[in-house]
Amino acid sequence: MDVQLLKSKIHKATITFCDLHYEGSLAIDLDLMDACGMLPYERILVVNANNGERLETYAIPAERGSKIFGLNGAATRRGIVGDRLTIMSFASIPVETASAHKPTVIVLDEANEIVERK
């Protein structure tokens, strides 16, 4: 049997843009995705710390080094520029090895710079 465990997490990301007229998803700086092991087009859960909204979507890679976190399409209804997000992806892990699993977590400052790696 497998269990679903946290694989990757970006904590305290700041939304940098919203584009209602783009297909839904969340654009994320590819460098930051790499830093936590998140993959392009991977299913993600997004939690907005400012308003409590939750959203399930997928990660779209944004330009490396851009520090972009952009809500697109219907997802723009879940936040505004400046809101702080937690972005998580999960993996199926065999229950026999689950106790040894450790997620990769990065924590960002207000400018979307990495301030901590866990």
PDB file of N, CA and C in Angstrom:
ATOM      1  N   MET A   1       0.841  -1.170   0.000  1.00  0.00           N
ATOM      2  CA  MET A   1       0.000   0.000   0.000  1.00  0.00           C
ATOM      3  C   MET A   1       0.895   1.245   0.000  1.00  0.00           C
ATOM      4  N   ASP A   2       0.438   2.271  -0.693  1.00  0.00           N
ATOM      5  CA  ASP A   2       1.123   3.563  -0.718  1.00  0.00           C
ATOM      6  C   ASP A   2       0.336   4.576   0.097  1.00  0.00           C
ATOM      7  N   VAL A   3       1.058   5.577   0.613  1.00  0.00           N
ATOM      8  CA  VAL A   3       0.431   6.705   1.294  1.00  0.00           C
ATOM      9  C   VAL A   3       0.858   7.980   0.576  1.00  0.00           C
ATOM     10  N   GLN A   4       0.009   8.991   0.626  1.00  0.00           N
ATOM     11  CA  GLN A   4       0.320  10.289   0.016  1.00  0.00           C
ATOM     12  C   GLN A   4       1.034  11.152   1.042  1.00  0.00           C
ATOM     13  N   LEU A   5       2.275  11.547   0.752  1.00  0.00           N
ATOM     14  CA  LEU A   5       3.062  12.390   1.657  1.00  0.00           C
ATOM     15  C   LEU A   5       3.521  13.648   0.931  1.00  0.00           C
ATOM     16  N   LEU A   6       3.786  14.679   1.718  1.00  0.00           N
ATOM     17  CA  LEU A   6       4.321  15.919   1.167  1.00  0.00           C
ATOM     18  C   LEU A   6       5.663  15.636   0.505  1.00  0.00           C
ATOM     19  N   LYS A   7       5.815  16.072  -0.751  1.00  0.00           N
ATOM     20  CA  LYS A   7       7.066  15.894  -1.489  1.00  0.00           C
ATOM     21  C   LYS A   7       7.870  17.186  -1.519  1.00  0.00           C
ATOM     22  N   SER A   8       7.200  18.269  -1.907  1.00  0.00           N
ATOM     23  CA  SER A   8       7.848  19.571  -2.084  1.00  0.00           C
ATOM     24  C   SER A   8       6.962  20.661  -1.514  1.00  0.00           C
ATOM     25  N   LYS A   9       7.600  21.706  -0.946  1.00  0.00           N
ATOM     26  CA  LYS A   9       6.809  22.829  -0.431  1.00  0.00           C
ATOM     27  C   LYS A   9       7.576  24.122  -0.604  1.00  0.00           C
ATOM     28  N   ILE A  10       6.859  25.133  -1.074  1.00  0.00           N
ATOM     29  CA  ILE A  10       7.363  26.510  -1.129  1.00  0.00           C
ATOM     30  C   ILE A  10       6.509  27.286  -0.146  1.00  0.00           C
ATOM     31  N   HIS A  11       7.141  27.846   0.876  1.00  0.00           N
ATOM     32  CA  HIS A  11       6.413  28.529   1.941  1.00  0.00           C
ATOM     33  C   HIS A  11       6.657  30.032   1.866  1.00  0.00           C
ATOM     34  N   LYS A  12       5.589  30.793   1.983  1.00  0.00           N
ATOM     35  CA  LYS A  12       5.612  32.265   2.015  1.00  0.00           C
ATOM     36  C   LYS A  12       5.954  32.913   0.674  1.00  0.00           C
ATOM     37  N   ALA A  13       5.564  32.264  -0.434  1.00  0.00           N
ATOM     38  CA  ALA A  13       5.743  32.876  -1.748  1.00  0.00           C
ATOM     39  C   ALA A  13       4.810  34.073  -1.881  1.00  0.00           C
ATOM     40  N   THR A  14       5.280  35.120  -2.523  1.00  0.00           N
ATOM     41  CA  THR A  14       4.479  36.326  -2.734  1.00  0.00           C
ATOM     42  C   THR A  14       3.971  36.359  -4.174  1.00  0.00           C
ATOM     43  N   ILE A  15       2.661  36.512  -4.348  1.00  0.00           N
ATOM     44  CA  ILE A  15       2.086  36.619  -5.696  1.00  0.00           C
ATOM     45  C   ILE A  15       2.618  37.884  -6.358  1.00  0.00           C
ATOM     46  N   THR A  16       3.147  37.729  -7.587  1.00  0.00           N
ATOM     47  CA  THR A  16       3.710  38.875  -8.310  1.00  0.00           C
ATOM     48  C   THR A  16       2.811  39.372  -9.438  1.00  0.00           C
ATOM     49  N   PHE A  17       1.908  38.523  -9.943  1.00  0.00           N
ATOM     50  CA  PHE A  17       0.953  38.973 -10.960  1.00  0.00           C
ATOM     51  C   PHE A  17      -0.255  38.049 -11.003  1.00  0.00           C
ATOM     52  N   CYS A  18      -1.323  38.541 -11.583  1.00  0.00           N
ATOM     53  CA  CYS A  18      -2.538  37.766 -11.827  1.00  0.00           C
ATOM     54  C   CYS A  18      -2.992  38.062 -13.252  1.00  0.00           C
ATOM     55  N   ASP A  19      -3.355  37.017 -13.994  1.00  0.00           N
ATOM     56  CA  ASP A  19      -3.803  37.173 -15.379  1.00  0.00           C
ATOM     57  C   ASP A  19      -5.076  36.355 -15.584  1.00  0.00           C
ATOM     58  N   LEU A  20      -6.205  36.997 -15.441  1.00  0.00           N
ATOM     59  CA  LEU A  20      -7.505  36.346 -15.560  1.00  0.00           C
ATOM     60  C   LEU A  20      -7.712  35.689 -16.928  1.00  0.00           C
ATOM     61  N   HIS A  21      -7.139  36.230 -17.976  1.00  0.00           N
ATOM     62  CA  HIS A  21      -7.421  35.778 -19.342  1.00  0.00           C
ATOM     63  C   HIS A  21      -6.433  34.733 -19.854  1.00  0.00           C
ATOM     64  N   TYR A  22      -5.698  34.105 -18.944  1.00  0.00           N
ATOM     65  CA  TYR A  22      -4.796  33.019 -19.299  1.00  0.00           C
ATOM     66  C   TYR A  22      -5.389  31.719 -18.777  1.00  0.00           C
ATOM     67  N   GLU A  23      -5.076  30.604 -19.413  1.00  0.00           N
ATOM     68  CA  GLU A  23      -5.552  29.312 -18.921  1.00  0.00           C
ATOM     69  C   GLU A  23      -5.090  29.112 -17.479  1.00  0.00           C
ATOM     70  N   GLY A  24      -5.917  28.526 -16.670  1.00  0.00           N
ATOM     71  CA  GLY A  24      -5.664  28.400 -15.239  1.00  0.00           C
ATOM     72  C   GLY A  24      -4.424  27.632 -14.871  1.00  0.00           C
ATOM     73  N   SER A  25      -3.758  28.085 -13.822  1.00  0.00           N
ATOM     74  CA  SER A  25      -2.563  27.454 -13.285  1.00  0.00           C
ATOM     75  C   SER A  25      -1.815  28.474 -12.437  1.00  0.00           C
ATOM     76  N   LEU A  26      -0.655  28.066 -11.937  1.00  0.00           N
ATOM     77  CA  LEU A  26       0.209  28.969 -11.187  1.00  0.00           C
ATOM     78  C   LEU A  26       1.583  28.966 -11.831  1.00  0.00           C
ATOM     79  N   ALA A  27       2.033  30.118 -12.292  1.00  0.00           N
ATOM     80  CA  ALA A  27       3.379  30.251 -12.852  1.00  0.00           C
ATOM     81  C   ALA A  27       4.374  30.404 -11.699  1.00  0.00           C
ATOM     82  N   ILE A  28       5.472  29.632 -11.759  1.00  0.00           N
ATOM     83  CA  ILE A  28       6.483  29.643 -10.700  1.00  0.00           C
ATOM     84  C   ILE A  28       7.865  29.694 -11.340  1.00  0.00           C
ATOM     85  N   ASP A  29       8.722  30.575 -10.829  1.00  0.00           N
ATOM     86  CA  ASP A  29      10.114  30.666 -11.251  1.00  0.00           C
ATOM     87  C   ASP A  29      10.726  29.261 -11.254  1.00  0.00           C
ATOM     88  N   LEU A  30      11.267  28.843 -12.382  1.00  0.00           N
ATOM     89  CA  LEU A  30      11.812  27.497 -12.525  1.00  0.00           C
ATOM     90  C   LEU A  30      12.970  27.231 -11.562  1.00  0.00           C
ATOM     91  N   ASP A  31      13.765  28.243 -11.230  1.00  0.00           N
ATOM     92  CA  ASP A  31      14.833  28.060 -10.248  1.00  0.00           C
ATOM     93  C   ASP A  31      14.260  27.668  -8.889  1.00  0.00           C
ATOM     94  N   LEU A  32      13.140  28.291  -8.503  1.00  0.00           N
ATOM     95  CA  LEU A  32      12.521  27.978  -7.211  1.00  0.00           C
ATOM     96  C   LEU A  32      11.862  26.606  -7.244  1.00  0.00           C
ATOM     97  N   MET A  33      11.308  26.221  -8.389  1.00  0.00           N
ATOM     98  CA  MET A  33      10.768  24.876  -8.525  1.00  0.00           C
ATOM     99  C   MET A  33      11.888  23.850  -8.345  1.00  0.00           C
ATOM    100  N   ASP A  34      13.012  24.082  -9.008  1.00  0.00           N
ATOM    101  CA  ASP A  34      14.151  23.167  -8.893  1.00  0.00           C
ATOM    102  C   ASP A  34      14.645  23.073  -7.455  1.00  0.00           C
ATOM    103  N   ALA A  35      14.648  24.202  -6.751  1.00  0.00           N
ATOM    104  CA  ALA A  35      15.178  24.243  -5.380  1.00  0.00           C
ATOM    105  C   ALA A  35      14.414  23.346  -4.416  1.00  0.00           C
ATOM    106  N   CYS A  36      13.137  23.097  -4.714  1.00  0.00           N
ATOM    107  CA  CYS A  36      12.355  22.242  -3.815  1.00  0.00           C
ATOM    108  C   CYS A  36      11.942  20.931  -4.470  1.00  0.00           C
ATOM    109  N   GLY A  37      12.372  20.686  -5.684  1.00  0.00           N
ATOM    110  CA  GLY A  37      12.056  19.428  -6.351  1.00  0.00           C
ATOM    111  C   GLY A  37      10.670  19.362  -6.955  1.00  0.00           C
ATOM    112  N   MET A  38      10.072  20.518  -7.213  1.00  0.00           N
ATOM    113  CA  MET A  38       8.759  20.564  -7.851  1.00  0.00           C
ATOM    114  C   MET A  38       8.961  20.498  -9.365  1.00  0.00           C
ATOM    115  N   LEU A  39       8.088  19.792 -10.046  1.00  0.00           N
ATOM    116  CA  LEU A  39       8.245  19.593 -11.484  1.00  0.00           C
ATOM    117  C   LEU A  39       7.278  20.453 -12.292  1.00  0.00           C
ATOM    118  N   PRO A  40       7.698  20.877 -13.493  1.00  0.00           N
ATOM    119  CA  PRO A  40       6.765  21.578 -14.373  1.00  0.00           C
ATOM    120  C   PRO A  40       5.525  20.726 -14.630  1.00  0.00           C
ATOM    121  N   TYR A  41       4.379  21.351 -14.541  1.00  0.00           N
ATOM    122  CA  TYR A  41       3.066  20.747 -14.801  1.00  0.00           C
ATOM    123  C   TYR A  41       2.635  19.747 -13.721  1.00  0.00           C
ATOM    124  N   GLU A  42       3.366  19.719 -12.617  1.00  0.00           N
ATOM    125  CA  GLU A  42       2.986  18.857 -11.500  1.00  0.00           C
ATOM    126  C   GLU A  42       1.745  19.410 -10.805  1.00  0.00           C
ATOM    127  N   ARG A  43       0.888  18.515 -10.350  1.00  0.00           N
ATOM    128  CA  ARG A  43      -0.301  18.914  -9.587  1.00  0.00           C
ATOM    129  C   ARG A  43       0.143  19.500  -8.248  1.00  0.00           C
ATOM    130  N   ILE A  44      -0.440  20.651  -7.900  1.00  0.00           N
ATOM    131  CA  ILE A  44      -0.079  21.334  -6.662  1.00  0.00           C
ATOM    132  C   ILE A  44      -1.325  21.768  -5.894  1.00  0.00           C
ATOM    133  N   LEU A  45      -1.146  21.905  -4.603  1.00  0.00           N
ATOM    134  CA  LEU A  45      -2.147  22.493  -3.727  1.00  0.00           C
ATOM    135  C   LEU A  45      -1.595  23.841  -3.291  1.00  0.00           C
ATOM    136  N   VAL A  46      -2.396  24.890  -3.440  1.00  0.00           N
ATOM    137  CA  VAL A  46      -1.981  26.253  -3.122  1.00  0.00           C
ATOM    138  C   VAL A  46      -2.883  26.778  -2.011  1.00  0.00           C
ATOM    139  N   VAL A  47      -2.273  27.307  -0.955  1.00  0.00           N
ATOM    140  CA  VAL A  47      -3.007  27.877   0.167  1.00  0.00           C
ATOM    141  C   VAL A  47      -2.603  29.340   0.304  1.00  0.00           C
ATOM    142  N   ASN A  48      -3.599  30.234   0.339  1.00  0.00           N
ATOM    143  CA  ASN A  48      -3.354  31.666   0.461  1.00  0.00           C
ATOM    144  C   ASN A  48      -3.455  32.051   1.929  1.00  0.00           C
ATOM    145  N   ALA A  49      -2.336  32.493   2.524  1.00  0.00           N
ATOM    146  CA  ALA A  49      -2.305  32.865   3.943  1.00  0.00           C
ATOM    147  C   ALA A  49      -3.095  34.140   4.222  1.00  0.00           C
ATOM    148  N   ASN A  50      -3.284  34.984   3.214  1.00  0.00           N
ATOM    149  CA  ASN A  50      -3.991  36.243   3.429  1.00  0.00           C
ATOM    150  C   ASN A  50      -5.498  36.086   3.534  1.00  0.00           C
ATOM    151  N   ASN A  51      -6.066  35.126   2.783  1.00  0.00           N
ATOM    152  CA  ASN A  51      -7.524  35.011   2.772  1.00  0.00           C
ATOM    153  C   ASN A  51      -8.033  33.599   3.068  1.00  0.00           C
ATOM    154  N   GLY A  52      -7.134  32.650   3.266  1.00  0.00           N
ATOM    155  CA  GLY A  52      -7.536  31.289   3.592  1.00  0.00           C
ATOM    156  C   GLY A  52      -8.001  30.451   2.419  1.00  0.00           C
ATOM    157  N   GLU A  53      -8.001  31.009   1.221  1.00  0.00           N
ATOM    158  CA  GLU A  53      -8.436  30.264   0.034  1.00  0.00           C
ATOM    159  C   GLU A  53      -7.466  29.123  -0.274  1.00  0.00           C
ATOM    160  N   ARG A  54      -8.027  28.023  -0.790  1.00  0.00           N
ATOM    161  CA  ARG A  54      -7.240  26.869  -1.214  1.00  0.00           C
ATOM    162  C   ARG A  54      -7.572  26.586  -2.666  1.00  0.00           C
ATOM    163  N   LEU A  55      -6.575  26.100  -3.403  1.00  0.00           N
ATOM    164  CA  LEU A  55      -6.727  25.879  -4.835  1.00  0.00           C
ATOM    165  C   LEU A  55      -5.871  24.689  -5.240  1.00  0.00           C
ATOM    166  N   GLU A  56      -6.437  23.800  -6.025  1.00  0.00           N
ATOM    167  CA  GLU A  56      -5.662  22.728  -6.620  1.00  0.00           C
ATOM    168  C   GLU A  56      -5.502  23.038  -8.093  1.00  0.00           C
ATOM    169  N   THR A  57      -4.258  23.021  -8.584  1.00  0.00           N
ATOM    170  CA  THR A  57      -3.971  23.346  -9.972  1.00  0.00           C
ATOM    171  C   THR A  57      -2.676  22.653 -10.365  1.00  0.00           C
ATOM    172  N   TYR A  58      -1.946  23.216 -11.317  1.00  0.00           N
ATOM    173  CA  TYR A  58      -0.653  22.661 -11.707  1.00  0.00           C
ATOM    174  C   TYR A  58       0.351  23.799 -11.859  1.00  0.00           C
ATOM    175  N   ALA A  59       1.627  23.428 -11.751  1.00  0.00           N
ATOM    176  CA  ALA A  59       2.709  24.418 -11.806  1.00  0.00           C
ATOM    177  C   ALA A  59       3.157  24.632 -13.249  1.00  0.00           C
ATOM    178  N   ILE A  60       3.181  25.873 -13.668  1.00  0.00           N
ATOM    179  CA  ILE A  60       3.723  26.240 -14.980  1.00  0.00           C
ATOM    180  C   ILE A  60       5.091  26.872 -14.749  1.00  0.00           C
ATOM    181  N   PRO A  61       6.122  26.396 -15.433  1.00  0.00           N
ATOM    182  CA  PRO A  61       7.443  26.986 -15.225  1.00  0.00           C
ATOM    183  C   PRO A  61       7.511  28.414 -15.779  1.00  0.00           C
ATOM    184  N   ALA A  62       7.992  29.329 -14.930  1.00  0.00           N
ATOM    185  CA  ALA A  62       8.227  30.718 -15.350  1.00  0.00           C
ATOM    186  C   ALA A  62       9.739  30.910 -15.514  1.00  0.00           C
ATOM    187  N   GLU A  63      10.116  32.005 -16.102  1.00  0.00           N
ATOM    188  CA  GLU A  63      11.517  32.291 -16.401  1.00  0.00           C
ATOM    189  C   GLU A  63      12.411  32.143 -15.169  1.00  0.00           C
ATOM    190  N   ARG A  64      13.547  31.483 -15.367  1.00  0.00           N
ATOM    191  CA  ARG A  64      14.522  31.304 -14.287  1.00  0.00           C
ATOM    192  C   ARG A  64      14.995  32.658 -13.751  1.00  0.00           C
ATOM    193  N   GLY A  65      15.061  32.761 -12.445  1.00  0.00           N
ATOM    194  CA  GLY A  65      15.550  33.973 -11.806  1.00  0.00           C
ATOM    195  C   GLY A  65      14.544  35.103 -11.735  1.00  0.00           C
ATOM    196  N   SER A  66      13.342  34.891 -12.247  1.00  0.00           N
ATOM    197  CA  SER A  66      12.346  35.961 -12.306  1.00  0.00           C
ATOM    198  C   SER A  66      11.645  36.210 -10.975  1.00  0.00           C
ATOM    199  N   LYS A  67      11.664  35.236 -10.072  1.00  0.00           N
ATOM    200  CA  LYS A  67      10.978  35.293  -8.764  1.00  0.00           C
ATOM    201  C   LYS A  67       9.464  35.411  -8.931  1.00  0.00           C
ATOM    202  N   ILE A  68       8.957  34.961 -10.072  1.00  0.00           N
ATOM    203  CA  ILE A  68       7.537  35.055 -10.397  1.00  0.00           C
ATOM    204  C   ILE A  68       6.718  33.993  -9.680  1.00  0.00           C
ATOM    205  N   PHE A  69       5.567  34.416  -9.173  1.00  0.00           N
ATOM    206  CA  PHE A  69       4.475  33.552  -8.747  1.00  0.00           C
ATOM    207  C   PHE A  69       3.217  34.205  -9.296  1.00  0.00           C
ATOM    208  N   GLY A  70       2.656  33.636 -10.351  1.00  0.00           N
ATOM    209  CA  GLY A  70       1.538  34.281 -11.029  1.00  0.00           C
ATOM    210  C   GLY A  70       0.307  33.407 -11.102  1.00  0.00           C
ATOM    211  N   LEU A  71      -0.778  33.898 -10.556  1.00  0.00           N
ATOM    212  CA  LEU A  71      -2.063  33.211 -10.674  1.00  0.00           C
ATOM    213  C   LEU A  71      -2.648  33.494 -12.046  1.00  0.00           C
ATOM    214  N   ASN A  72      -3.181  32.453 -12.672  1.00  0.00           N
ATOM    215  CA  ASN A  72      -3.733  32.569 -14.021  1.00  0.00           C
ATOM    216  C   ASN A  72      -5.153  32.034 -14.081  1.00  0.00           C
ATOM    217  N   GLY A  73      -5.948  32.591 -14.996  1.00  0.00           N
ATOM    218  CA  GLY A  73      -7.303  32.122 -15.225  1.00  0.00           C
ATOM    219  C   GLY A  73      -8.165  32.236 -13.982  1.00  0.00           C
ATOM    220  N   ALA A  74      -9.018  31.234 -13.769  1.00  0.00           N
ATOM    221  CA  ALA A  74      -9.939  31.245 -12.630  1.00  0.00           C
ATOM    222  C   ALA A  74      -9.195  31.323 -11.294  1.00  0.00           C
ATOM    223  N   ALA A  75      -7.948  30.863 -11.263  1.00  0.00           N
ATOM    224  CA  ALA A  75      -7.151  30.914 -10.032  1.00  0.00           C
ATOM    225  C   ALA A  75      -6.953  32.346  -9.536  1.00  0.00           C
ATOM    226  N   THR A  76      -7.073  33.329 -10.439  1.00  0.00           N
ATOM    227  CA  THR A  76      -6.893  34.726 -10.013  1.00  0.00           C
ATOM    228  C   THR A  76      -7.952  35.157  -9.008  1.00  0.00           C
ATOM    229  N   ARG A  77      -9.046  34.419  -8.942  1.00  0.00           N
ATOM    230  CA  ARG A  77     -10.106  34.734  -7.973  1.00  0.00           C
ATOM    231  C   ARG A  77      -9.722  34.325  -6.558  1.00  0.00           C
ATOM    232  N   ARG A  78      -8.585  33.634  -6.410  1.00  0.00           N
ATOM    233  CA  ARG A  78      -8.141  33.124  -5.109  1.00  0.00           C
ATOM    234  C   ARG A  78      -7.086  33.987  -4.428  1.00  0.00           C
ATOM    235  N   GLY A  79      -6.646  35.069  -5.096  1.00  0.00           N
ATOM    236  CA  GLY A  79      -5.645  35.922  -4.483  1.00  0.00           C
ATOM    237  C   GLY A  79      -5.348  37.151  -5.310  1.00  0.00           C
ATOM    238  N   ILE A  80      -4.569  38.051  -4.718  1.00  0.00           N
ATOM    239  CA  ILE A  80      -4.155  39.285  -5.391  1.00  0.00           C
ATOM    240  C   ILE A  80      -2.648  39.448  -5.225  1.00  0.00           C
ATOM    241  N   VAL A  81      -2.082  40.316  -6.049  1.00  0.00           N
ATOM    242  CA  VAL A  81      -0.653  40.610  -5.964  1.00  0.00           C
ATOM    243  C   VAL A  81      -0.323  41.024  -4.529  1.00  0.00           C
ATOM    244  N   GLY A  82       0.735  40.429  -4.002  1.00  0.00           N
ATOM    245  CA  GLY A  82       1.169  40.718  -2.636  1.00  0.00           C
ATOM    246  C   GLY A  82       0.748  39.678  -1.619  1.00  0.00           C
ATOM    247  N   ASP A  83      -0.268  38.873  -1.942  1.00  0.00           N
ATOM    248  CA  ASP A  83      -0.683  37.804  -1.021  1.00  0.00           C
ATOM    249  C   ASP A  83       0.444  36.779  -0.880  1.00  0.00           C
ATOM    250  N   ARG A  84       0.482  36.115   0.277  1.00  0.00           N
ATOM    251  CA  ARG A  84       1.502  35.102   0.557  1.00  0.00           C
ATOM    252  C   ARG A  84       0.894  33.705   0.416  1.00  0.00           C
ATOM    253  N   LEU A  85       1.605  32.834  -0.292  1.00  0.00           N
ATOM    254  CA  LEU A  85       1.127  31.493  -0.596  1.00  0.00           C
ATOM    255  C   LEU A  85       2.027  30.416  -0.006  1.00  0.00           C
ATOM    256  N   THR A  86       1.431  29.275   0.261  1.00  0.00           N
ATOM    257  CA  THR A  86       2.157  28.036   0.490  1.00  0.00           C
ATOM    258  C   THR A  86       1.754  27.107  -0.647  1.00  0.00           C
ATOM    259  N   ILE A  87       2.757  26.540  -1.317  1.00  0.00           N
ATOM    260  CA  ILE A  87       2.531  25.699  -2.488  1.00  0.00           C
ATOM    261  C   ILE A  87       3.110  24.322  -2.192  1.00  0.00           C
ATOM    262  N   MET A  88       2.286  23.288  -2.337  1.00  0.00           N
ATOM    263  CA  MET A  88       2.705  21.943  -1.966  1.00  0.00           C
ATOM    264  C   MET A  88       2.442  20.952  -3.087  1.00  0.00           C
ATOM    265  N   SER A  89       3.344  19.978  -3.220  1.00  0.00           N
ATOM    266  CA  SER A  89       3.102  18.825  -4.087  1.00  0.00           C
ATOM    267  C   SER A  89       3.288  17.569  -3.242  1.00  0.00           C
ATOM    268  N   PHE A  90       2.673  16.497  -3.682  1.00  0.00           N
ATOM    269  CA  PHE A  90       2.638  15.263  -2.903  1.00  0.00           C
ATOM    270  C   PHE A  90       3.092  14.097  -3.769  1.00  0.00           C
ATOM    271  N   ALA A  91       3.494  13.001  -3.113  1.00  0.00           N
ATOM    272  CA  ALA A  91       3.934  11.810  -3.828  1.00  0.00           C
ATOM    273  C   ALA A  91       3.378  10.573  -3.138  1.00  0.00           C
ATOM    274  N   SER A  92       3.177   9.532  -3.917  1.00  0.00           N
ATOM    275  CA  SER A  92       2.786   8.233  -3.368  1.00  0.00           C
ATOM    276  C   SER A  92       4.051   7.512  -2.924  1.00  0.00           C
ATOM    277  N   ILE A  93       4.111   7.181  -1.663  1.00  0.00           N
ATOM    278  CA  ILE A  93       5.284   6.541  -1.068  1.00  0.00           C
ATOM    279  C   ILE A  93       4.842   5.199  -0.484  1.00  0.00           C
ATOM    280  N   PRO A  94       5.590   4.133  -0.736  1.00  0.00           N
ATOM    281  CA  PRO A  94       5.232   2.858  -0.107  1.00  0.00           C
ATOM    282  C   PRO A  94       5.221   3.007   1.418  1.00  0.00           C
ATOM    283  N   VAL A  95       4.189   2.496   2.051  1.00  0.00           N
ATOM    284  CA  VAL A  95       4.037   2.641   3.497  1.00  0.00           C
ATOM    285  C   VAL A  95       5.261   2.095   4.243  1.00  0.00           C
ATOM    286  N   GLU A  96       5.919   1.097   3.669  1.00  0.00           N
ATOM    287  CA  GLU A  96       7.093   0.505   4.312  1.00  0.00           C
ATOM    288  C   GLU A  96       8.268   1.473   4.411  1.00  0.00           C
ATOM    289  N   THR A  97       8.335   2.455   3.523  1.00  0.00           N
ATOM    290  CA  THR A  97       9.444   3.411   3.538  1.00  0.00           C
ATOM    291  C   THR A  97       9.004   4.822   3.953  1.00  0.00           C
ATOM    292  N   ALA A  98       7.731   4.988   4.251  1.00  0.00           N
ATOM    293  CA  ALA A  98       7.176   6.320   4.533  1.00  0.00           C
ATOM    294  C   ALA A  98       7.829   6.994   5.733  1.00  0.00           C
ATOM    295  N   SER A  99       8.187   6.235   6.745  1.00  0.00           N
ATOM    296  CA  SER A  99       8.757   6.851   7.956  1.00  0.00           C
ATOM    297  C   SER A  99      10.115   7.491   7.691  1.00  0.00           C
ATOM    298  N   ALA A 100      10.795   7.092   6.632  1.00  0.00           N
ATOM    299  CA  ALA A 100      12.101   7.670   6.300  1.00  0.00           C
ATOM    300  C   ALA A 100      11.999   8.846   5.343  1.00  0.00           C
ATOM    301  N   HIS A 101      10.814   9.084   4.798  1.00  0.00           N
ATOM    302  CA  HIS A 101      10.633  10.152   3.802  1.00  0.00           C
ATOM    303  C   HIS A 101      10.724  11.530   4.448  1.00  0.00           C
ATOM    304  N   LYS A 102      11.448  12.438   3.807  1.00  0.00           N
ATOM    305  CA  LYS A 102      11.534  13.834   4.228  1.00  0.00           C
ATOM    306  C   LYS A 102      11.239  14.732   3.026  1.00  0.00           C
ATOM    307  N   PRO A 103      10.266  15.623   3.143  1.00  0.00           N
ATOM    308  CA  PRO A 103       9.975  16.532   2.032  1.00  0.00           C
ATOM    309  C   PRO A 103      11.074  17.587   1.891  1.00  0.00           C
ATOM    310  N   THR A 104      11.142  18.182   0.710  1.00  0.00           N
ATOM    311  CA  THR A 104      12.052  19.302   0.468  1.00  0.00           C
ATOM    312  C   THR A 104      11.237  20.585   0.575  1.00  0.00           C
ATOM    313  N   VAL A 105      11.665  21.476   1.465  1.00  0.00           N
ATOM    314  CA  VAL A 105      10.922  22.703   1.754  1.00  0.00           C
ATOM    315  C   VAL A 105      11.846  23.901   1.600  1.00  0.00           C
ATOM    316  N   ILE A 106      11.351  24.934   0.916  1.00  0.00           N
ATOM    317  CA  ILE A 106      12.049  26.216   0.899  1.00  0.00           C
ATOM    318  C   ILE A 106      11.105  27.273   1.462  1.00  0.00           C
ATOM    319  N   VAL A 107      11.701  28.233   2.173  1.00  0.00           N
ATOM    320  CA  VAL A 107      10.959  29.352   2.749  1.00  0.00           C
ATOM    321  C   VAL A 107      11.484  30.613   2.071  1.00  0.00           C
ATOM    322  N   LEU A 108      10.562  31.479   1.659  1.00  0.00           N
ATOM    323  CA  LEU A 108      10.932  32.687   0.927  1.00  0.00           C
ATOM    324  C   LEU A 108      10.661  33.940   1.746  1.00  0.00           C
ATOM    325  N   ASP A 109      11.372  35.028   1.387  1.00  0.00           N
ATOM    326  CA  ASP A 109      11.073  36.335   1.981  1.00  0.00           C
ATOM    327  C   ASP A 109      10.087  37.064   1.068  1.00  0.00           C
ATOM    328  N   GLU A 110       9.812  38.327   1.364  1.00  0.00           N
ATOM    329  CA  GLU A 110       8.824  39.104   0.608  1.00  0.00           C
ATOM    330  C   GLU A 110       9.216  39.319  -0.851  1.00  0.00           C
ATOM    331  N   ALA A 111      10.512  39.205  -1.162  1.00  0.00           N
ATOM    332  CA  ALA A 111      10.990  39.378  -2.543  1.00  0.00           C
ATOM    333  C   ALA A 111      11.142  38.029  -3.254  1.00  0.00           C
ATOM    334  N   ASN A 112      10.626  36.974  -2.660  1.00  0.00           N
ATOM    335  CA  ASN A 112      10.697  35.613  -3.189  1.00  0.00           C
ATOM    336  C   ASN A 112      12.133  35.101  -3.312  1.00  0.00           C
ATOM    337  N   GLU A 113      12.962  35.530  -2.392  1.00  0.00           N
ATOM    338  CA  GLU A 113      14.333  35.003  -2.257  1.00  0.00           C
ATOM    339  C   GLU A 113      14.305  33.898  -1.206  1.00  0.00           C
ATOM    340  N   ILE A 114      15.058  32.842  -1.429  1.00  0.00           N
ATOM    341  CA  ILE A 114      15.122  31.747  -0.469  1.00  0.00           C
ATOM    342  C   ILE A 114      15.868  32.202   0.770  1.00  0.00           C
ATOM    343  N   VAL A 115      15.217  32.046   1.945  1.00  0.00           N
ATOM    344  CA  VAL A 115      15.841  32.405   3.216  1.00  0.00           C
ATOM    345  C   VAL A 115      16.103  31.182   4.086  1.00  0.00           C
ATOM    346  N   GLU A 116      15.475  30.052   3.708  1.00  0.00           N
ATOM    347  CA  GLU A 116      15.679  28.829   4.486  1.00  0.00           C
ATOM    348  C   GLU A 116      15.379  27.628   3.594  1.00  0.00           C
ATOM    349  N   ARG A 117      16.175  26.577   3.807  1.00  0.00           N
ATOM    350  CA  ARG A 117      15.947  25.295   3.140  1.00  0.00           C
ATOM    351  C   ARG A 117      15.832  24.237   4.213  1.00  0.00           C
ATOM    352  N   LYS A 118      14.808  23.398   4.088  1.00  0.00           N
ATOM    353  CA  LYS A 118      14.608  22.334   5.081  1.00  0.00           C
ATOM    354  C   LYS A 118      14.650  20.985   4.404  1.00  0.00           C
TER     355      LYS A 118
END
